[in-house]
Structures are given as C-alpha cells and as structure tokens.
Protein backbone atom coordinates (compact mmCIF):
# COMPACT_ATOMS: atom_id res chain seq x y z
CA MET A 1 -120.33 58.96 -49.55
CA ALA A 2 -118.79 55.70 -50.79
CA ILE A 3 -120.82 53.80 -48.22
CA MET A 4 -124.04 55.51 -49.36
CA GLU A 5 -123.33 54.78 -52.99
CA ALA A 6 -122.62 51.13 -52.23
CA GLY A 7 -125.88 50.96 -50.29
CA VAL A 8 -127.81 52.40 -53.20
CA GLU A 9 -126.16 50.04 -55.67
CA CYS A 10 -127.00 47.06 -53.40
CA LEU A 11 -130.60 48.20 -53.16
CA GLU A 12 -130.85 48.53 -56.96
CA ARG A 13 -129.51 45.04 -57.47
CA THR A 14 -131.95 43.61 -54.85
CA THR A 15 -134.86 45.41 -56.50
CA GLN A 16 -133.79 44.17 -59.93
CA VAL A 17 -133.64 40.57 -58.66
CA ALA A 18 -137.02 40.89 -56.93
CA THR A 19 -138.73 42.20 -60.01
CA SER A 20 -137.02 39.99 -62.61
CA PRO A 21 -139.33 37.53 -64.37
CA ARG A 22 -139.60 34.14 -62.79
CA SER A 23 -138.94 30.99 -64.81
CA GLU A 24 -141.70 28.64 -65.77
CA ARG A 25 -140.51 26.16 -63.19
CA GLU A 26 -140.59 28.85 -60.46
CA VAL A 27 -144.13 29.88 -61.31
CA LEU A 28 -145.26 26.27 -61.24
CA ALA A 29 -143.56 25.82 -57.89
CA ALA A 30 -145.49 28.81 -56.61
CA THR A 31 -148.74 27.02 -57.42
CA ARG A 32 -147.91 23.92 -55.42
CA PRO A 33 -149.00 25.24 -51.97
CA PHE A 34 -152.51 25.63 -53.45
CA THR A 35 -152.70 21.94 -54.28
CA ILE A 36 -153.08 21.18 -50.60
CA GLU A 37 -156.68 20.00 -50.16
CA ASN A 38 -158.98 20.92 -47.28
CA ARG A 39 -160.55 17.50 -46.93
CA TRP A 40 -163.41 18.76 -44.83
CA ARG A 41 -164.23 21.42 -47.38
CA SER A 42 -164.16 18.94 -50.24
CA TRP A 43 -166.63 16.68 -48.45
CA TRP A 44 -168.85 19.67 -47.59
CA CYS A 45 -168.92 20.78 -51.26
CA LEU A 46 -169.78 17.26 -52.43
CA ALA A 47 -172.40 16.59 -49.78
CA THR A 48 -174.22 19.90 -49.95
CA THR A 49 -174.16 20.09 -53.71
CA SER A 50 -175.37 16.50 -54.10
CA VAL A 51 -178.23 17.00 -51.62
CA MET A 52 -179.21 20.26 -53.28
CA MET A 53 -179.24 18.66 -56.75
CA THR A 54 -181.25 15.70 -55.57
CA GLY A 55 -183.82 17.80 -53.74
CA ILE A 56 -184.30 20.15 -56.74
CA LEU A 57 -184.76 17.26 -59.15
CA VAL A 58 -187.21 15.55 -56.81
CA ILE A 59 -189.35 18.72 -56.93
CA ALA A 60 -188.98 18.79 -60.68
CA ALA A 61 -190.31 15.24 -60.73
CA MET A 62 -193.18 15.77 -58.24
CA ALA A 63 -194.34 19.38 -58.54
CA PRO A 64 -198.04 19.72 -59.67
CA TRP A 65 -197.46 22.66 -62.00
CA TRP A 66 -195.29 22.37 -65.13
CA PRO A 67 -193.85 25.96 -64.81
CA ALA A 68 -192.49 24.98 -61.36
CA ARG A 69 -191.12 21.72 -62.77
CA LEU A 70 -189.38 23.56 -65.63
CA ALA A 71 -187.91 26.13 -63.26
CA CYS A 72 -186.53 23.30 -61.12
CA SER A 73 -185.16 21.58 -64.20
CA ILE A 74 -183.22 24.68 -65.08
CA LEU A 75 -181.97 25.19 -61.55
CA GLY A 76 -181.13 21.53 -61.35
CA ALA A 77 -179.10 21.75 -64.51
CA LEU A 78 -176.96 24.50 -63.06
CA VAL A 79 -176.30 22.48 -59.87
CA MET A 80 -175.49 19.46 -61.99
CA VAL A 81 -172.69 21.53 -63.59
CA ARG A 82 -171.20 22.12 -60.13
CA VAL A 83 -171.39 18.41 -59.32
CA PHE A 84 -169.69 17.66 -62.61
CA ILE A 85 -166.79 20.04 -61.66
CA ILE A 86 -166.40 18.05 -58.42
CA TYR A 87 -166.39 14.87 -60.45
CA HIS A 88 -163.84 16.46 -62.85
CA ASP A 89 -161.54 17.37 -59.97
CA PHE A 90 -161.86 13.92 -58.36
CA MET A 91 -160.84 12.38 -61.63
CA HIS A 92 -157.79 14.63 -61.71
CA GLY A 93 -156.99 13.56 -58.18
CA SER A 94 -157.14 17.12 -56.89
CA LEU A 95 -159.69 16.32 -54.18
CA LEU A 96 -160.93 13.34 -52.16
CA ARG A 97 -158.08 11.26 -53.47
CA ASN A 98 -158.16 7.56 -52.37
CA SER A 99 -161.65 7.86 -50.85
CA VAL A 100 -163.66 4.72 -51.67
CA LEU A 101 -166.97 6.45 -50.79
CA ALA A 102 -166.20 9.45 -53.05
CA LYS A 103 -165.24 7.03 -55.86
CA ILE A 104 -168.56 5.16 -55.59
CA LEU A 105 -170.67 8.36 -55.50
CA LEU A 106 -168.86 10.24 -58.25
CA HIS A 107 -168.35 7.31 -60.51
CA ALA A 108 -172.02 6.64 -60.25
CA TYR A 109 -172.72 10.27 -61.26
CA GLY A 110 -170.36 9.84 -64.22
CA TYR A 111 -172.24 6.78 -65.42
CA LEU A 112 -175.64 8.35 -65.08
CA ILE A 113 -174.78 11.49 -67.09
CA LEU A 114 -172.83 9.53 -69.77
CA ALA A 115 -169.36 10.55 -68.74
CA PRO A 116 -168.01 7.10 -67.87
CA PRO A 117 -164.84 7.38 -65.78
CA ARG A 118 -162.47 5.38 -68.09
CA SER A 119 -163.51 7.17 -71.28
CA TRP A 120 -163.55 10.56 -69.51
CA ARG A 121 -160.07 10.11 -68.09
CA MET A 122 -158.58 9.02 -71.39
CA SER A 123 -160.29 11.84 -73.35
CA HIS A 124 -159.65 14.60 -70.84
CA ASN A 125 -155.98 13.68 -70.17
CA PHE A 126 -155.40 13.79 -73.90
CA HIS A 127 -157.06 17.25 -74.00
CA HIS A 128 -154.50 18.50 -71.42
CA SER A 129 -151.62 17.12 -73.43
CA ILE A 130 -152.62 18.70 -76.75
CA VAL A 131 -154.26 21.97 -75.74
CA GLY A 132 -152.82 24.87 -77.80
CA LYS A 133 -151.80 22.59 -80.71
CA VAL A 134 -153.35 22.06 -84.13
CA LEU A 135 -155.70 19.12 -83.85
CA VAL A 136 -157.65 17.80 -86.77
CA LEU A 137 -159.15 14.84 -84.98
CA ASN A 138 -162.22 15.48 -82.84
CA SER A 139 -160.78 13.72 -79.79
CA GLY A 140 -160.77 15.27 -76.34
CA SER A 141 -161.25 18.78 -77.69
CA TYR A 142 -162.76 20.80 -80.53
CA PRO A 143 -160.52 20.30 -83.60
CA ILE A 144 -158.52 23.21 -84.99
CA MET A 145 -157.35 23.44 -88.63
CA THR A 146 -154.94 26.00 -89.89
CA ARG A 147 -155.84 28.26 -92.81
CA GLU A 148 -153.51 26.41 -95.11
CA MET A 149 -154.90 23.02 -94.07
CA TRP A 150 -158.40 24.28 -94.86
CA LYS A 151 -157.41 25.41 -98.33
CA ASN A 152 -155.87 22.02 -99.08
CA SER A 153 -158.64 19.89 -97.57
CA THR A 154 -161.28 17.92 -99.47
CA PHE A 155 -164.98 18.61 -99.46
CA VAL A 156 -165.62 15.74 -97.07
CA GLU A 157 -162.79 16.92 -94.68
CA ARG A 158 -164.24 20.46 -94.71
CA LEU A 159 -167.79 19.20 -94.09
CA ARG A 160 -166.61 17.10 -91.07
CA TYR A 161 -164.69 20.11 -89.69
CA ILE A 162 -167.67 22.47 -90.20
CA ILE A 163 -169.95 20.09 -88.34
CA SER A 164 -167.48 19.48 -85.47
CA ARG A 165 -167.15 23.23 -84.80
CA SER A 166 -170.84 24.01 -85.32
CA PRO A 167 -172.73 25.73 -82.48
CA LEU A 168 -175.24 22.93 -82.95
CA ILE A 169 -172.74 20.52 -81.48
CA ILE A 170 -172.71 22.70 -78.34
CA LEU A 171 -176.45 23.12 -78.27
CA PHE A 172 -177.02 19.35 -78.67
CA ALA A 173 -174.11 18.29 -76.52
CA TYR A 174 -176.19 15.75 -74.67
CA PRO A 175 -176.57 13.39 -77.63
CA MET A 176 -173.57 14.53 -79.69
CA VAL A 177 -170.82 15.00 -77.13
CA PHE A 178 -171.83 12.98 -74.01
CA ALA A 179 -173.79 10.14 -75.58
CA TRP A 180 -171.80 9.71 -78.77
CA SER A 181 -168.27 11.13 -78.37
CA LEU A 182 -167.74 10.31 -74.71
CA THR A 183 -169.63 7.02 -74.43
CA ILE A 184 -170.79 5.14 -77.57
CA GLU A 185 -167.92 5.93 -79.99
CA PRO A 186 -165.15 5.01 -77.45
CA MET A 187 -167.11 1.90 -76.52
CA ILE A 188 -167.17 0.85 -80.20
CA ASP A 189 -163.43 1.63 -80.78
CA HIS A 190 -162.14 0.13 -77.49
CA PRO A 191 -164.73 -2.30 -76.09
CA ARG A 192 -162.28 -4.13 -73.73
CA LYS A 193 -160.49 -1.06 -72.43
CA LEU A 194 -163.57 1.17 -72.07
CA TRP A 195 -166.00 -1.57 -70.92
CA ASP A 196 -167.56 0.81 -68.34
CA SER A 197 -169.17 2.77 -71.22
CA ILE A 198 -171.52 -0.14 -71.66
CA PHE A 199 -172.50 0.10 -67.95
CA ALA A 200 -173.02 3.90 -68.45
CA VAL A 201 -175.45 3.32 -71.35
CA ILE A 202 -177.37 0.73 -69.29
CA ALA A 203 -177.46 2.87 -66.17
CA HIS A 204 -178.51 5.98 -68.06
CA GLY A 205 -181.24 4.20 -69.99
CA ALA A 206 -182.51 2.36 -66.96
CA LEU A 207 -182.90 5.61 -65.00
CA ILE A 208 -184.88 7.25 -67.81
CA ALA A 209 -187.02 4.11 -68.22
CA GLY A 210 -187.59 3.90 -64.48
CA LEU A 211 -188.73 7.54 -64.18
CA TRP A 212 -190.88 7.07 -67.27
CA TRP A 213 -192.53 3.90 -65.83
CA TRP A 214 -193.04 5.42 -62.38
CA GLY A 215 -194.33 8.90 -63.19
CA GLY A 216 -194.86 9.03 -66.93
CA PRO A 217 -192.91 10.91 -69.66
CA SER A 218 -193.23 14.23 -67.89
CA MET A 219 -191.30 12.98 -64.87
CA ALA A 220 -188.53 11.59 -66.99
CA ILE A 221 -188.31 14.78 -69.03
CA PHE A 222 -188.45 17.36 -66.22
CA ALA A 223 -186.51 15.40 -63.58
CA PHE A 224 -183.71 14.12 -65.76
CA ILE A 225 -183.66 14.61 -69.54
CA VAL A 226 -184.03 18.45 -69.57
CA PRO A 227 -181.52 19.00 -66.69
CA VAL A 228 -178.90 16.71 -68.27
CA ALA A 229 -179.42 18.33 -71.66
CA MET A 230 -179.04 21.86 -70.36
CA ALA A 231 -176.09 20.97 -68.10
CA ALA A 232 -174.37 19.30 -71.12
CA THR A 233 -174.94 22.41 -73.28
CA ILE A 234 -173.53 24.70 -70.51
CA GLY A 235 -170.53 22.49 -70.01
CA ALA A 236 -169.90 22.18 -73.82
CA TYR A 237 -169.90 25.91 -74.26
CA PHE A 238 -167.60 26.55 -71.31
CA PHE A 239 -165.22 23.96 -72.69
CA TYR A 240 -165.30 25.60 -76.06
CA ALA A 241 -164.87 29.21 -74.85
CA GLN A 242 -161.96 28.24 -72.61
CA HIS A 243 -159.88 27.38 -75.67
CA ASN A 244 -161.54 29.25 -78.58
CA TYR A 245 -161.63 32.97 -77.86
CA PRO A 246 -160.28 36.16 -79.43
CA GLY A 247 -156.61 36.52 -78.55
CA MET A 248 -155.83 32.79 -78.05
CA GLU A 249 -152.77 31.31 -79.66
CA ILE A 250 -151.79 28.07 -81.20
CA LEU A 251 -148.24 27.13 -80.32
CA LYS A 252 -145.68 25.49 -82.57
CA THR A 253 -144.39 22.16 -81.49
CA ASP A 254 -140.91 23.47 -80.57
CA GLU A 255 -142.37 26.28 -78.42
CA TRP A 256 -145.07 24.33 -76.68
CA THR A 257 -144.81 23.97 -72.91
CA ASN A 258 -147.55 23.39 -70.35
CA TYR A 259 -146.85 26.88 -68.97
CA ARG A 260 -147.26 28.63 -72.29
CA ALA A 261 -150.27 26.56 -73.23
CA SER A 262 -151.93 27.45 -69.91
CA LEU A 263 -151.40 31.15 -70.17
CA ARG A 264 -151.66 31.69 -73.93
CA THR A 265 -154.30 29.19 -75.01
CA SER A 266 -156.58 29.02 -71.99
CA SER A 267 -158.99 31.85 -71.15
CA PHE A 268 -160.19 33.41 -67.88
CA LEU A 269 -163.98 33.35 -68.05
CA LYS A 270 -165.21 36.31 -65.95
CA LEU A 271 -168.41 35.39 -64.12
CA GLY A 272 -170.51 36.85 -61.33
CA ARG A 273 -170.46 35.27 -57.89
CA ILE A 274 -173.56 33.14 -58.45
CA MET A 275 -172.37 31.65 -61.69
CA ARG A 276 -168.90 31.09 -60.25
CA TRP A 277 -170.53 28.91 -57.56
CA PHE A 278 -172.62 26.92 -60.07
CA THR A 279 -169.54 26.38 -62.34
CA GLY A 280 -167.08 25.60 -59.58
CA ASP A 281 -164.78 28.41 -60.58
CA ILE A 282 -163.79 26.50 -63.76
CA GLY A 283 -163.59 29.97 -65.39
CA TYR A 284 -160.12 30.23 -63.86
CA HIS A 285 -159.16 27.83 -66.53
CA HIS A 286 -155.62 29.04 -67.13
CA VAL A 287 -154.86 28.29 -63.50
CA HIS A 288 -156.36 24.87 -63.74
CA HIS A 289 -154.28 23.98 -66.81
CA LEU A 290 -151.08 25.19 -65.24
CA ASN A 291 -151.57 22.88 -62.30
CA LEU A 292 -154.50 20.44 -62.50
CA ALA A 293 -153.86 19.31 -58.90
CA ILE A 294 -155.34 22.50 -57.50
CA PRO A 295 -158.92 21.91 -56.10
CA PHE A 296 -161.55 24.11 -57.79
CA TYR A 297 -162.17 26.06 -54.62
CA ARG A 298 -158.53 27.26 -54.47
CA LEU A 299 -158.12 28.38 -58.09
CA SER A 300 -159.10 31.97 -57.41
CA GLU A 301 -156.82 31.96 -54.39
CA ALA A 302 -153.85 30.86 -56.53
CA MET A 303 -154.56 33.52 -59.19
CA ALA A 304 -154.73 36.23 -56.52
CA ALA A 305 -151.44 35.22 -55.00
CA ILE A 306 -149.31 34.69 -58.19
CA PRO A 307 -148.69 37.80 -60.28
CA GLU A 308 -147.91 35.86 -63.46
CA LEU A 309 -151.49 34.46 -63.43
CA GLN A 310 -153.20 37.78 -63.05
CA HIS A 311 -153.25 39.07 -66.65
CA PRO A 312 -154.87 36.38 -68.82
CA ILE A 313 -157.00 37.12 -71.84
CA SER A 314 -160.56 36.97 -70.62
CA THR A 315 -164.03 36.45 -72.02
CA THR A 316 -167.57 36.68 -70.58
CA LEU A 317 -171.03 35.27 -71.10
CA ARG A 318 -172.23 38.56 -72.69
CA PRO A 319 -173.92 37.82 -76.01
CA ARG A 320 -171.28 39.69 -78.05
CA ASP A 321 -168.46 37.76 -76.35
CA VAL A 322 -170.24 34.48 -76.90
CA LEU A 323 -170.76 35.31 -80.58
CA ALA A 324 -167.14 36.42 -80.92
CA CYS A 325 -165.97 33.03 -79.62
CA LEU A 326 -168.34 31.05 -81.79
CA ARG A 327 -167.25 32.82 -84.95
CA LEU A 328 -163.64 31.61 -84.58
CA LYS A 329 -162.99 28.64 -86.88
CA LEU A 330 -159.45 28.49 -88.29
CA TRP A 331 -155.93 29.29 -87.13
CA ASP A 332 -154.14 31.77 -89.34
CA GLU A 333 -150.45 31.00 -88.89
CA GLY A 334 -149.35 34.24 -90.63
CA ALA A 335 -151.50 36.62 -88.59
CA ARG A 336 -151.27 34.33 -85.51
CA ASN A 337 -154.92 34.56 -84.66
CA MET A 338 -158.16 32.67 -85.09
CA ILE A 339 -160.29 33.69 -88.04
CA ARG A 340 -163.73 32.96 -89.53
CA PHE A 341 -164.32 30.60 -92.46
CA ARG A 342 -165.00 33.53 -94.83
CA ASP A 343 -161.68 35.15 -93.91
CA ALA A 344 -159.80 32.07 -95.15
CA HIS A 345 -160.20 33.27 -98.72
C-alpha cells in the first residue's frame, strides 16, 4: 500500500511539473527549432512568386481588353503582397540570409515599390521595439494616444492624430505611407544615412515613365500604378489590424517584454487558405513578433506545436471585424482597452 501511495504521489508531481506554465524564456526557446530555414523552399517561394507576379503584370500591360487588364492588376496586387512578405522576411534575416542574388532581387523590389531597404529596416526594427507601447510619433507604426493625453492635447495635436489614424491613410497608403512616410520624409530627415531613398524615388519614377512612354498611360496604370496602390492598401490595413483590434493591450513600461507584447498586443488574423498564400501567413503575427527569425512558411507550424501560442485574440476580414478595428482610436488606461474618439468624453 505504501508503495502504491508513493507511486501515485510521484505521478501527481510529474503531472504537475508537466502542466505547469513555462517561463517566457522557455517558450522562446521552443520557437527556435522553427527558425531553421529550408533553403530550397525559400528559393522556390521567391522564384515562383516572382515569375507569377511578372507574368500577371505583363498581361495587365498587354491585354487588349481593359476588364482583363483590371482583373490582372487586382490579381497582381495580391501576388505583390506575397513578394513583399518575402522581402520583409529577407530584411529580418529569416530566409536567404547572406545570398547576394536574393539581396539584388529583393532590394530591387524594395526600391521599385518605395520601400527602400535602409529606411524600411530602420522603421520596421523600431516598430518591433515599441509595439504595445504608447506612441505619439507616427514612426514605424500607427501612433496611439491615451485617453488622458487626448484630453490634454491641443487642437493641432488632435488634428494630426486624427489624420494619422484615419482610414484614408490606409486607403491611400501608396502616396501617404510608402511614398511619403517610408521614402521621402526619411530622405529629407536623414539624407546621408538613408541615401538609397533617393535611388528608390528615381527607380520608381523611371519605371512609371518608361511604361508610360512605351505603351501609354493605360500601360503604366494597369501594369504598375494600380497593382502597387492596391498592394499598399492591403498591406497597410494588415499592419493596422495586427496591432489595433478589440482586446489588444497597451503595456506599461515596467511590464513590457517581447513575449507579452507578442501575445497581448499582436493579433492572429484568421484567413482562408487562398488569402493565407497571398499574404505569406503574416496573419500569424503574434508568432512572428515573438521570434522574427522564423520564416513565414513555418509560422503556422510553430503555432501548432507550441500550446502557449494557440490562444491569441483573433480578427478576420469580415466587414464587421474590419469596422471594429478601424473604430479604435485611443487607449483607455482605466478600462484597459481601446476606445473610440466619442467615448473619450
């Protein structure tokens, strides 16, 4: 009987240890096996997606009927989003690291779509370091004011904040986010450090001018301007919804850690299989923020294998969920949730 009781007690202790919460460091360690890149798969994703994007945009440029050209523009925009995710991961060093060929191809893509590598790296790395914090400056992310800050702000400060969080910024992300915030403004502020922004402006303008000269305005519009504009809007909304959604939290300075910011201020955007392909699984955003060295094609694998990552707050592309995200404007420190402007009073 004593032996049986000792066995039961030992089993209970083992079960308790097995089910006890893991530390943040242990969960992060559990993600490291998924940072191992499949080099062949990375090249396959880059090659097939690039060829597909190029082929679709060539049809958009040459098709004899404008409905076909518009359809190819829309499809091309979606594929451009996937290429951007590959560019995004390359800039993080999570795939094709140290490849000169990949650097040439993907940096060229960054220049052409007005996401110059130097400016993008500085802005996006800053975003990862401040996500989940109050941020008044529109740098690397959509700014977030607290309710109290809003009450004490001036008319000009409120106007700037309203504009920076307006859905129009997302809709016109091509000129407002990519052209201005990512390229022109950084070039003005740091001309020596971000010299490649000048090259991006020249390359982008030269491509539009070349298409216009070769095939007229319709070629430039359908083969490049419309796809880039649509891809920019899609990307801007995804970036917004991944950190501005019902249930998100803003963390105090003394409680902020990368782990908490990843799981409490980054959403899981539920998408169908087709949209997951077009968006490179960036909807698994909480996983990406926890360990940015994980290639995009292993994010879902990591979530499925690590229990701590399987219960994030999620959102979707359903109209009501999109509207719910867009309505969120201010952080209420007392209620600990995001509220609308009209709720601030």
